[in-house]
Amino acid sequence: MSTVLVTGATGFLGPYLVDAFNALGQVIGTARSSSDRNCDLTDSNAVRALLDDAKPDVVVHAAALTDVDLCEREPALAEKINRDATANVVKYLPQAAVFLYISTDQVYPSSGAPHVEGHEGPVNVYGSSKLAGEEAARRHASTLVLRTNLFGVSRAAKASSLVDFLIQKFRAREPVPLFSDVLFSPLHIQTVVAICVEAIRRKMTGTFNLGSHGGMSKCDFALAVAHHLGLPTDGARPTQSTSLPARAPRPLDMRMDVSRIEKAFGRPMPTLADEIRKL
């Protein structure tokens, strides 16, 4: 049985990771507050004390600043949380431990999809800071980087999700802009955490895209979610992402080529339609 340290334990992904990794042994969740072991990962001394105390066999690093617009406004903060905190963990992590870094499809450019590992080109500070975090993560000998996009219902007190937002808007029949020009290939959050556990069991290292096979526009995704859940779509307003010019830049096509992870697992990734049915 292993000791698994999950960073970002109180965020959107964290509670799902904590539950999933209970299959491997003792799980310790860490975050700035309200966690098993509170820790500011940007504080090198605090990280050292945490790792000395927890002695993890596996670290699942999900802590990140994921607010794209905030990252764009405060690039130094984005680098501090997404790159420097990762470097702090790697610095004090025993060489025998395994490091799983949760990355993002926003390390890729706006064109050229489906994106293949090795063809990075972020268009915003969030993507570039996460790519820098990947580079810091790879300084550890046994590192697995999973680039993903995920959806589901949030279990975190302070973190809502895209699905939460859509359900609220559709139920209230309120107007909601749906981007028909933005494409992505996310997975249900339960699928993501199950694959994370399986990948650690397989002792995988390297960098892999982790997404659904194919993908669709965010508009089609939202309408499919509404249809699956039996929600009214009176408020649906298909539009272009460029209609909101104040936003930080985002890649228009984030669909990922998942053939590498499919080959590693010996099976295809599910389609996005399959994943929506898990809601």
C-alpha atoms as a PDB file:
ATOM      1  CA  MET A   1       0.000   0.000   0.000  1.00  0.00           C
ATOM      2  CA  SER A   2       1.260   3.435  -0.949  1.00  0.00           C
ATOM      3  CA  THR A   3       1.033   6.881   0.576  1.00  0.00           C
ATOM      4  CA  VAL A   4      -0.384   9.295  -1.998  1.00  0.00           C
ATOM      5  CA  LEU A   5      -0.183  13.068  -1.610  1.00  0.00           C
ATOM      6  CA  VAL A   6      -2.778  14.985  -3.642  1.00  0.00           C
ATOM      7  CA  THR A   7      -2.137  18.695  -4.054  1.00  0.00           C
ATOM      8  CA  GLY A   8      -5.007  21.026  -4.832  1.00  0.00           C
ATOM      9  CA  ALA A   9      -7.212  18.703  -2.779  1.00  0.00           C
ATOM     10  CA  THR A  10      -9.972  21.269  -2.266  1.00  0.00           C
ATOM     11  CA  GLY A  11     -10.259  22.329  -5.916  1.00  0.00           C
ATOM     12  CA  PHE A  12     -12.542  21.000  -8.640  1.00  0.00           C
ATOM     13  CA  LEU A  13     -10.461  17.921  -9.441  1.00  0.00           C
ATOM     14  CA  GLY A  14      -8.998  17.318  -5.978  1.00  0.00           C
ATOM     15  CA  PRO A  15     -11.913  15.564  -4.198  1.00  0.00           C
ATOM     16  CA  TYR A  16     -12.304  13.126  -7.111  1.00  0.00           C
ATOM     17  CA  LEU A  17      -8.573  12.348  -7.041  1.00  0.00           C
ATOM     18  CA  VAL A  18      -8.617  11.775  -3.288  1.00  0.00           C
ATOM     19  CA  ASP A  19     -11.474   9.280  -3.629  1.00  0.00           C
ATOM     20  CA  ALA A  20      -9.919   7.474  -6.593  1.00  0.00           C
ATOM     21  CA  PHE A  21      -6.443   7.102  -5.098  1.00  0.00           C
ATOM     22  CA  ASN A  22      -7.823   5.508  -1.941  1.00  0.00           C
ATOM     23  CA  ALA A  23      -7.562   2.343  -4.034  1.00  0.00           C
ATOM     24  CA  LEU A  24      -3.764   2.561  -3.756  1.00  0.00           C
ATOM     25  CA  GLY A  25      -3.476   3.213  -0.028  1.00  0.00           C
ATOM     26  CA  GLN A  26      -3.404   6.163   2.333  1.00  0.00           C
ATOM     27  CA  VAL A  27      -4.275   9.478   0.677  1.00  0.00           C
ATOM     28  CA  ILE A  28      -3.222  12.834   2.130  1.00  0.00           C
ATOM     29  CA  GLY A  29      -4.816  15.920   0.647  1.00  0.00           C
ATOM     30  CA  THR A  30      -3.063  19.246   0.757  1.00  0.00           C
ATOM     31  CA  ALA A  31      -4.220  22.768  -0.081  1.00  0.00           C
ATOM     32  CA  ARG A  32      -3.780  26.246   1.320  1.00  0.00           C
ATOM     33  CA  SER A  33      -6.647  25.645   3.779  1.00  0.00           C
ATOM     34  CA  SER A  34      -9.341  23.155   4.807  1.00  0.00           C
ATOM     35  CA  SER A  35      -7.228  20.107   3.901  1.00  0.00           C
ATOM     36  CA  ASP A  36      -5.521  17.213   5.683  1.00  0.00           C
ATOM     37  CA  ARG A  37      -2.184  19.059   5.636  1.00  0.00           C
ATOM     38  CA  ASN A  38      -2.447  22.745   4.794  1.00  0.00           C
ATOM     39  CA  CYS A  39       0.518  24.046   2.817  1.00  0.00           C
ATOM     40  CA  ASP A  40       1.406  27.001   0.617  1.00  0.00           C
ATOM     41  CA  LEU A  41       3.277  25.242  -2.185  1.00  0.00           C
ATOM     42  CA  THR A  42       4.933  28.488  -3.260  1.00  0.00           C
ATOM     43  CA  ASP A  43       6.764  28.456   0.107  1.00  0.00           C
ATOM     44  CA  SER A  44       9.803  26.239  -0.394  1.00  0.00           C
ATOM     45  CA  ASN A  45      10.361  25.616   3.318  1.00  0.00           C
ATOM     46  CA  ALA A  46       6.713  24.692   3.864  1.00  0.00           C
ATOM     47  CA  VAL A  47       6.876  22.208   0.984  1.00  0.00           C
ATOM     48  CA  ARG A  48      10.016  20.648   2.405  1.00  0.00           C
ATOM     49  CA  ALA A  49       8.345  20.209   5.802  1.00  0.00           C
ATOM     50  CA  LEU A  50       5.228  18.732   4.177  1.00  0.00           C
ATOM     51  CA  LEU A  51       7.160  16.134   2.187  1.00  0.00           C
ATOM     52  CA  ASP A  52       9.410  15.262   5.122  1.00  0.00           C
ATOM     53  CA  ASP A  53       6.310  14.612   7.211  1.00  0.00           C
ATOM     54  CA  ALA A  54       4.082  12.887   4.644  1.00  0.00           C
ATOM     55  CA  LYS A  55       6.802  10.761   3.010  1.00  0.00           C
ATOM     56  CA  PRO A  56       4.672  10.089  -0.099  1.00  0.00           C
ATOM     57  CA  ASP A  57       5.307   7.293  -2.551  1.00  0.00           C
ATOM     58  CA  VAL A  58       3.182   9.139  -5.122  1.00  0.00           C
ATOM     59  CA  VAL A  59       2.453  12.840  -5.543  1.00  0.00           C
ATOM     60  CA  VAL A  60      -0.511  13.828  -7.713  1.00  0.00           C
ATOM     61  CA  HIS A  61       0.007  17.506  -8.441  1.00  0.00           C
ATOM     62  CA  ALA A  62      -3.349  19.058  -9.293  1.00  0.00           C
ATOM     63  CA  ALA A  63      -2.790  22.411  -7.577  1.00  0.00           C
ATOM     64  CA  ALA A  64      -2.838  25.218 -10.140  1.00  0.00           C
ATOM     65  CA  LEU A  65      -4.094  28.678 -10.946  1.00  0.00           C
ATOM     66  CA  THR A  66      -6.625  27.810 -13.655  1.00  0.00           C
ATOM     67  CA  ASP A  67      -8.453  31.135 -14.001  1.00  0.00           C
ATOM     68  CA  VAL A  68      -7.342  32.030 -17.541  1.00  0.00           C
ATOM     69  CA  ASP A  69      -8.259  35.706 -17.295  1.00  0.00           C
ATOM     70  CA  LEU A  70      -6.579  36.129 -13.904  1.00  0.00           C
ATOM     71  CA  CYS A  71      -3.423  34.472 -15.247  1.00  0.00           C
ATOM     72  CA  GLU A  72      -3.399  36.952 -18.120  1.00  0.00           C
ATOM     73  CA  ARG A  73      -3.792  39.925 -15.765  1.00  0.00           C
ATOM     74  CA  GLU A  74      -1.210  38.645 -13.269  1.00  0.00           C
ATOM     75  CA  PRO A  75       1.442  36.635 -15.137  1.00  0.00           C
ATOM     76  CA  ALA A  76       3.876  36.689 -12.212  1.00  0.00           C
ATOM     77  CA  LEU A  77       1.252  35.052  -9.996  1.00  0.00           C
ATOM     78  CA  ALA A  78       0.538  32.444 -12.676  1.00  0.00           C
ATOM     79  CA  GLU A  79       4.230  31.551 -12.923  1.00  0.00           C
ATOM     80  CA  LYS A  80       4.566  31.438  -9.138  1.00  0.00           C
ATOM     81  CA  ILE A  81       1.701  28.990  -8.695  1.00  0.00           C
ATOM     82  CA  ASN A  82       1.899  26.921 -11.886  1.00  0.00           C
ATOM     83  CA  ARG A  83       5.675  26.734 -12.335  1.00  0.00           C
ATOM     84  CA  ASP A  84       7.465  27.643  -9.104  1.00  0.00           C
ATOM     85  CA  ALA A  85       5.224  25.599  -6.800  1.00  0.00           C
ATOM     86  CA  THR A  86       5.820  22.585  -9.036  1.00  0.00           C
ATOM     87  CA  ALA A  87       9.567  23.168  -8.851  1.00  0.00           C
ATOM     88  CA  ASN A  88       9.364  23.304  -5.050  1.00  0.00           C
ATOM     89  CA  VAL A  89       7.656  19.907  -4.866  1.00  0.00           C
ATOM     90  CA  VAL A  90      10.145  18.333  -7.276  1.00  0.00           C
ATOM     91  CA  LYS A  91      13.082  19.817  -5.376  1.00  0.00           C
ATOM     92  CA  TYR A  92      12.245  17.952  -2.154  1.00  0.00           C
ATOM     93  CA  LEU A  93      10.539  14.858  -3.557  1.00  0.00           C
ATOM     94  CA  PRO A  94      12.504  11.622  -2.960  1.00  0.00           C
ATOM     95  CA  GLN A  95      13.843  10.113  -6.177  1.00  0.00           C
ATOM     96  CA  ALA A  96      11.979   6.863  -5.515  1.00  0.00           C
ATOM     97  CA  ALA A  97       8.603   8.619  -5.485  1.00  0.00           C
ATOM     98  CA  VAL A  98       6.363   8.973  -8.545  1.00  0.00           C
ATOM     99  CA  PHE A  99       5.213  12.432  -9.663  1.00  0.00           C
ATOM    100  CA  LEU A 100       1.988  12.898 -11.641  1.00  0.00           C
ATOM    101  CA  TYR A 101       1.551  16.389 -13.047  1.00  0.00           C
ATOM    102  CA  ILE A 102      -1.939  17.338 -14.227  1.00  0.00           C
ATOM    103  CA  SER A 103      -1.568  19.666 -17.208  1.00  0.00           C
ATOM    104  CA  THR A 104      -3.916  21.191 -19.750  1.00  0.00           C
ATOM    105  CA  ASP A 105      -4.870  21.206 -23.421  1.00  0.00           C
ATOM    106  CA  GLN A 106      -4.125  24.946 -23.401  1.00  0.00           C
ATOM    107  CA  VAL A 107      -0.418  24.274 -23.881  1.00  0.00           C
ATOM    108  CA  TYR A 108      -1.325  23.886 -27.577  1.00  0.00           C
ATOM    109  CA  PRO A 109      -1.830  26.547 -30.275  1.00  0.00           C
ATOM    110  CA  SER A 110      -5.122  27.615 -31.816  1.00  0.00           C
ATOM    111  CA  SER A 111      -4.611  25.709 -35.072  1.00  0.00           C
ATOM    112  CA  GLY A 112      -3.230  22.349 -36.152  1.00  0.00           C
ATOM    113  CA  ALA A 113      -5.606  20.117 -34.192  1.00  0.00           C
ATOM    114  CA  PRO A 114      -5.858  17.377 -33.278  1.00  0.00           C
ATOM    115  CA  HIS A 115      -2.751  18.326 -31.333  1.00  0.00           C
ATOM    116  CA  VAL A 116       0.101  15.869 -30.921  1.00  0.00           C
ATOM    117  CA  GLU A 117       2.525  15.779 -27.991  1.00  0.00           C
ATOM    118  CA  GLY A 118       5.611  17.768 -28.934  1.00  0.00           C
ATOM    119  CA  HIS A 119       3.815  20.474 -30.943  1.00  0.00           C
ATOM    120  CA  GLU A 120       3.117  22.952 -28.148  1.00  0.00           C
ATOM    121  CA  GLY A 121       2.418  26.653 -28.663  1.00  0.00           C
ATOM    122  CA  PRO A 122       0.306  28.277 -25.928  1.00  0.00           C
ATOM    123  CA  VAL A 123      -1.603  31.449 -26.806  1.00  0.00           C
ATOM    124  CA  ASN A 124      -2.101  32.720 -23.256  1.00  0.00           C
ATOM    125  CA  VAL A 125      -0.278  33.060 -19.936  1.00  0.00           C
ATOM    126  CA  TYR A 126      -2.187  30.173 -18.388  1.00  0.00           C
ATOM    127  CA  GLY A 127      -0.990  27.794 -21.095  1.00  0.00           C
ATOM    128  CA  SER A 128       2.603  29.031 -20.988  1.00  0.00           C
ATOM    129  CA  SER A 129       2.756  28.842 -17.173  1.00  0.00           C
ATOM    130  CA  LYS A 130       1.413  25.277 -17.215  1.00  0.00           C
ATOM    131  CA  LEU A 131       3.940  24.342 -19.896  1.00  0.00           C
ATOM    132  CA  ALA A 132       6.661  25.796 -17.666  1.00  0.00           C
ATOM    133  CA  GLY A 133       5.231  23.682 -14.849  1.00  0.00           C
ATOM    134  CA  GLU A 134       5.580  20.594 -17.043  1.00  0.00           C
ATOM    135  CA  GLU A 135       9.232  21.424 -17.612  1.00  0.00           C
ATOM    136  CA  ALA A 136       9.777  21.770 -13.862  1.00  0.00           C
ATOM    137  CA  ALA A 137       7.965  18.465 -13.269  1.00  0.00           C
ATOM    138  CA  ARG A 138      10.204  16.583 -15.706  1.00  0.00           C
ATOM    139  CA  ARG A 139      13.256  17.348 -13.581  1.00  0.00           C
ATOM    140  CA  HIS A 140      12.081  14.488 -11.392  1.00  0.00           C
ATOM    141  CA  ALA A 141      13.166  11.053 -12.560  1.00  0.00           C
ATOM    142  CA  SER A 142       9.754   9.333 -12.453  1.00  0.00           C
ATOM    143  CA  THR A 143       7.296  11.869 -13.841  1.00  0.00           C
ATOM    144  CA  LEU A 144       4.048  11.402 -15.728  1.00  0.00           C
ATOM    145  CA  VAL A 145       2.450  14.448 -17.381  1.00  0.00           C
ATOM    146  CA  LEU A 146      -1.192  14.153 -18.407  1.00  0.00           C
ATOM    147  CA  ARG A 147      -2.601  16.970 -20.539  1.00  0.00           C
ATOM    148  CA  THR A 148      -6.330  16.983 -20.124  1.00  0.00           C
ATOM    149  CA  ASN A 149      -9.624  18.849 -20.190  1.00  0.00           C
ATOM    150  CA  LEU A 150     -12.431  17.574 -18.013  1.00  0.00           C
ATOM    151  CA  PHE A 151     -16.016  18.196 -17.028  1.00  0.00           C
ATOM    152  CA  GLY A 152     -18.428  17.125 -14.306  1.00  0.00           C
ATOM    153  CA  VAL A 153     -20.319  18.351 -11.280  1.00  0.00           C
ATOM    154  CA  SER A 154     -18.137  20.087  -8.719  1.00  0.00           C
ATOM    155  CA  ARG A 155     -17.798  18.624  -5.236  1.00  0.00           C
ATOM    156  CA  ALA A 156     -15.674  21.543  -4.044  1.00  0.00           C
ATOM    157  CA  ALA A 157     -17.195  24.237  -1.845  1.00  0.00           C
ATOM    158  CA  LYS A 158     -15.393  27.067  -3.643  1.00  0.00           C
ATOM    159  CA  ALA A 159     -15.105  25.715  -7.177  1.00  0.00           C
ATOM    160  CA  SER A 160     -17.935  25.519  -9.683  1.00  0.00           C
ATOM    161  CA  SER A 161     -17.625  23.897 -13.092  1.00  0.00           C
ATOM    162  CA  LEU A 162     -18.760  24.466 -16.668  1.00  0.00           C
ATOM    163  CA  VAL A 163     -21.439  21.816 -16.200  1.00  0.00           C
ATOM    164  CA  ASP A 164     -22.660  23.486 -12.994  1.00  0.00           C
ATOM    165  CA  PHE A 165     -22.924  26.773 -14.893  1.00  0.00           C
ATOM    166  CA  LEU A 166     -24.798  25.224 -17.808  1.00  0.00           C
ATOM    167  CA  ILE A 167     -27.263  23.384 -15.573  1.00  0.00           C
ATOM    168  CA  GLN A 168     -27.996  26.556 -13.610  1.00  0.00           C
ATOM    169  CA  LYS A 169     -28.533  28.655 -16.741  1.00  0.00           C
ATOM    170  CA  PHE A 170     -30.629  26.098 -18.599  1.00  0.00           C
ATOM    171  CA  ARG A 171     -32.851  25.378 -15.592  1.00  0.00           C
ATOM    172  CA  ALA A 172     -33.463  29.097 -15.093  1.00  0.00           C
ATOM    173  CA  ARG A 173     -34.037  29.556 -18.839  1.00  0.00           C
ATOM    174  CA  GLU A 174     -31.540  32.393 -18.721  1.00  0.00           C
ATOM    175  CA  PRO A 175     -29.572  33.503 -21.802  1.00  0.00           C
ATOM    176  CA  VAL A 176     -26.255  31.680 -22.071  1.00  0.00           C
ATOM    177  CA  PRO A 177     -23.693  32.280 -24.857  1.00  0.00           C
ATOM    178  CA  LEU A 178     -22.467  29.023 -26.398  1.00  0.00           C
ATOM    179  CA  PHE A 179     -19.285  29.179 -28.453  1.00  0.00           C
ATOM    180  CA  SER A 180     -19.723  27.445 -31.783  1.00  0.00           C
ATOM    181  CA  ASP A 181     -16.174  28.324 -32.891  1.00  0.00           C
ATOM    182  CA  VAL A 182     -14.334  26.696 -29.946  1.00  0.00           C
ATOM    183  CA  LEU A 183     -13.594  22.969 -30.206  1.00  0.00           C
ATOM    184  CA  PHE A 184     -12.379  20.663 -27.451  1.00  0.00           C
ATOM    185  CA  SER A 185     -12.196  17.002 -26.457  1.00  0.00           C
ATOM    186  CA  PRO A 186     -12.700  16.693 -22.692  1.00  0.00           C
ATOM    187  CA  LEU A 187     -13.400  13.627 -20.576  1.00  0.00           C
ATOM    188  CA  HIS A 188     -15.780  13.141 -17.671  1.00  0.00           C
ATOM    189  CA  ILE A 189     -13.921  13.796 -14.426  1.00  0.00           C
ATOM    190  CA  GLN A 190     -14.507  10.232 -13.203  1.00  0.00           C
ATOM    191  CA  THR A 191     -12.848   8.892 -16.356  1.00  0.00           C
ATOM    192  CA  VAL A 192      -9.852  11.172 -15.819  1.00  0.00           C
ATOM    193  CA  VAL A 193      -9.222  10.097 -12.228  1.00  0.00           C
ATOM    194  CA  ALA A 194      -9.673   6.407 -13.063  1.00  0.00           C
ATOM    195  CA  ILE A 195      -7.058   6.718 -15.810  1.00  0.00           C
ATOM    196  CA  CYS A 196      -4.732   8.566 -13.425  1.00  0.00           C
ATOM    197  CA  VAL A 197      -4.870   5.645 -11.000  1.00  0.00           C
ATOM    198  CA  GLU A 198      -4.411   3.099 -13.781  1.00  0.00           C
ATOM    199  CA  ALA A 199      -1.438   4.989 -15.204  1.00  0.00           C
ATOM    200  CA  ILE A 200       0.287   5.050 -11.812  1.00  0.00           C
ATOM    201  CA  ARG A 201      -0.365   1.333 -11.389  1.00  0.00           C
ATOM    202  CA  ARG A 202       1.200   0.754 -14.801  1.00  0.00           C
ATOM    203  CA  LYS A 203       4.215   2.866 -13.704  1.00  0.00           C
ATOM    204  CA  MET A 204       3.866   5.055 -16.778  1.00  0.00           C
ATOM    205  CA  THR A 205       6.167   8.018 -17.328  1.00  0.00           C
ATOM    206  CA  GLY A 206       6.337  10.603 -20.099  1.00  0.00           C
ATOM    207  CA  THR A 207       3.830  13.053 -21.535  1.00  0.00           C
ATOM    208  CA  PHE A 208       0.394  12.045 -22.815  1.00  0.00           C
ATOM    209  CA  ASN A 209      -2.728  13.738 -24.114  1.00  0.00           C
ATOM    210  CA  LEU A 210      -5.720  12.554 -22.098  1.00  0.00           C
ATOM    211  CA  GLY A 211      -8.979  13.394 -23.826  1.00  0.00           C
ATOM    212  CA  SER A 212     -12.005  12.002 -25.581  1.00  0.00           C
ATOM    213  CA  HIS A 213     -11.766  10.505 -29.036  1.00  0.00           C
ATOM    214  CA  GLY A 214     -12.918  13.171 -31.486  1.00  0.00           C
ATOM    215  CA  GLY A 215     -14.500  16.048 -29.610  1.00  0.00           C
ATOM    216  CA  MET A 216     -17.015  18.742 -30.532  1.00  0.00           C
ATOM    217  CA  SER A 217     -17.706  22.459 -30.255  1.00  0.00           C
ATOM    218  CA  LYS A 218     -18.527  23.933 -26.856  1.00  0.00           C
ATOM    219  CA  CYS A 219     -21.938  24.864 -28.242  1.00  0.00           C
ATOM    220  CA  ASP A 220     -22.700  21.291 -29.309  1.00  0.00           C
ATOM    221  CA  PHE A 221     -21.364  20.031 -25.967  1.00  0.00           C
ATOM    222  CA  ALA A 222     -23.682  22.308 -23.988  1.00  0.00           C
ATOM    223  CA  LEU A 223     -26.713  21.325 -26.050  1.00  0.00           C
ATOM    224  CA  ALA A 224     -25.838  17.626 -25.691  1.00  0.00           C
ATOM    225  CA  VAL A 225     -25.568  18.043 -21.912  1.00  0.00           C
ATOM    226  CA  ALA A 226     -28.972  19.741 -21.831  1.00  0.00           C
ATOM    227  CA  HIS A 227     -30.519  17.013 -23.969  1.00  0.00           C
ATOM    228  CA  HIS A 228     -29.050  14.236 -21.799  1.00  0.00           C
ATOM    229  CA  LEU A 229     -30.282  15.850 -18.575  1.00  0.00           C
ATOM    230  CA  GLY A 230     -33.663  16.836 -19.989  1.00  0.00           C
ATOM    231  CA  LEU A 231     -33.078  20.557 -19.520  1.00  0.00           C
ATOM    232  CA  PRO A 232     -34.776  23.321 -21.513  1.00  0.00           C
ATOM    233  CA  THR A 233     -32.548  25.178 -23.981  1.00  0.00           C
ATOM    234  CA  ASP A 234     -34.616  28.350 -24.384  1.00  0.00           C
ATOM    235  CA  GLY A 235     -31.657  30.435 -23.223  1.00  0.00           C
ATOM    236  CA  ALA A 236     -29.125  28.884 -25.613  1.00  0.00           C
ATOM    237  CA  ARG A 237     -27.420  31.564 -27.699  1.00  0.00           C
ATOM    238  CA  PRO A 238     -24.916  30.125 -30.215  1.00  0.00           C
ATOM    239  CA  THR A 239     -22.230  32.734 -30.750  1.00  0.00           C
ATOM    240  CA  GLN A 240     -18.563  33.307 -31.588  1.00  0.00           C
ATOM    241  CA  SER A 241     -15.937  33.552 -28.852  1.00  0.00           C
ATOM    242  CA  THR A 242     -14.696  36.789 -30.438  1.00  0.00           C
ATOM    243  CA  SER A 243     -17.971  38.410 -29.309  1.00  0.00           C
ATOM    244  CA  LEU A 244     -16.361  38.728 -25.854  1.00  0.00           C
ATOM    245  CA  PRO A 245     -13.257  40.794 -26.672  1.00  0.00           C
ATOM    246  CA  ALA A 246     -12.329  41.506 -23.046  1.00  0.00           C
ATOM    247  CA  ARG A 247     -11.439  37.868 -22.415  1.00  0.00           C
ATOM    248  CA  ALA A 248      -7.869  36.588 -22.405  1.00  0.00           C
ATOM    249  CA  PRO A 249      -7.005  34.810 -25.659  1.00  0.00           C
ATOM    250  CA  ARG A 250      -7.918  31.130 -25.856  1.00  0.00           C
ATOM    251  CA  PRO A 251      -7.042  28.524 -28.483  1.00  0.00           C
ATOM    252  CA  LEU A 252     -10.013  27.998 -30.792  1.00  0.00           C
ATOM    253  CA  ASP A 253      -9.318  24.317 -31.368  1.00  0.00           C
ATOM    254  CA  MET A 254      -8.103  22.376 -28.326  1.00  0.00           C
ATOM    255  CA  ARG A 255      -8.896  18.893 -29.616  1.00  0.00           C
ATOM    256  CA  MET A 256      -6.074  16.487 -28.841  1.00  0.00           C
ATOM    257  CA  ASP A 257      -4.676  13.472 -30.636  1.00  0.00           C
ATOM    258  CA  VAL A 258      -5.026  10.670 -28.081  1.00  0.00           C
ATOM    259  CA  SER A 259      -3.407   7.900 -30.115  1.00  0.00           C
ATOM    260  CA  ARG A 260      -0.330   7.787 -27.860  1.00  0.00           C
ATOM    261  CA  ILE A 261      -2.264   7.027 -24.680  1.00  0.00           C
ATOM    262  CA  GLU A 262      -4.568   4.673 -26.589  1.00  0.00           C
ATOM    263  CA  LYS A 263      -1.506   2.709 -27.678  1.00  0.00           C
ATOM    264  CA  ALA A 264      -0.120   2.668 -24.138  1.00  0.00           C
ATOM    265  CA  PHE A 265      -3.407   1.359 -22.714  1.00  0.00           C
ATOM    266  CA  GLY A 266      -4.215  -0.904 -25.640  1.00  0.00           C
ATOM    267  CA  ARG A 267      -7.733   0.473 -26.024  1.00  0.00           C
ATOM    268  CA  PRO A 268      -9.489   3.519 -27.507  1.00  0.00           C
ATOM    269  CA  MET A 269     -10.450   6.542 -25.477  1.00  0.00           C
ATOM    270  CA  PRO A 270     -14.226   7.054 -25.198  1.00  0.00           C
ATOM    271  CA  THR A 271     -16.065   9.521 -27.425  1.00  0.00           C
ATOM    272  CA  LEU A 272     -17.311  12.788 -25.970  1.00  0.00           C
ATOM    273  CA  ALA A 273     -20.898  11.618 -26.532  1.00  0.00           C
ATOM    274  CA  ASP A 274     -20.097   8.549 -24.378  1.00  0.00           C
ATOM    275  CA  GLU A 275     -18.681  10.769 -21.658  1.00  0.00           C
ATOM    276  CA  ILE A 276     -21.669  13.126 -21.559  1.00  0.00           C
ATOM    277  CA  ARG A 277     -23.870  10.126 -20.784  1.00  0.00           C
ATOM    278  CA  LYS A 278     -21.915   9.701 -17.512  1.00  0.00           C
ATOM    279  CA  LEU A 279     -23.420  12.901 -16.086  1.00  0.00           C
END
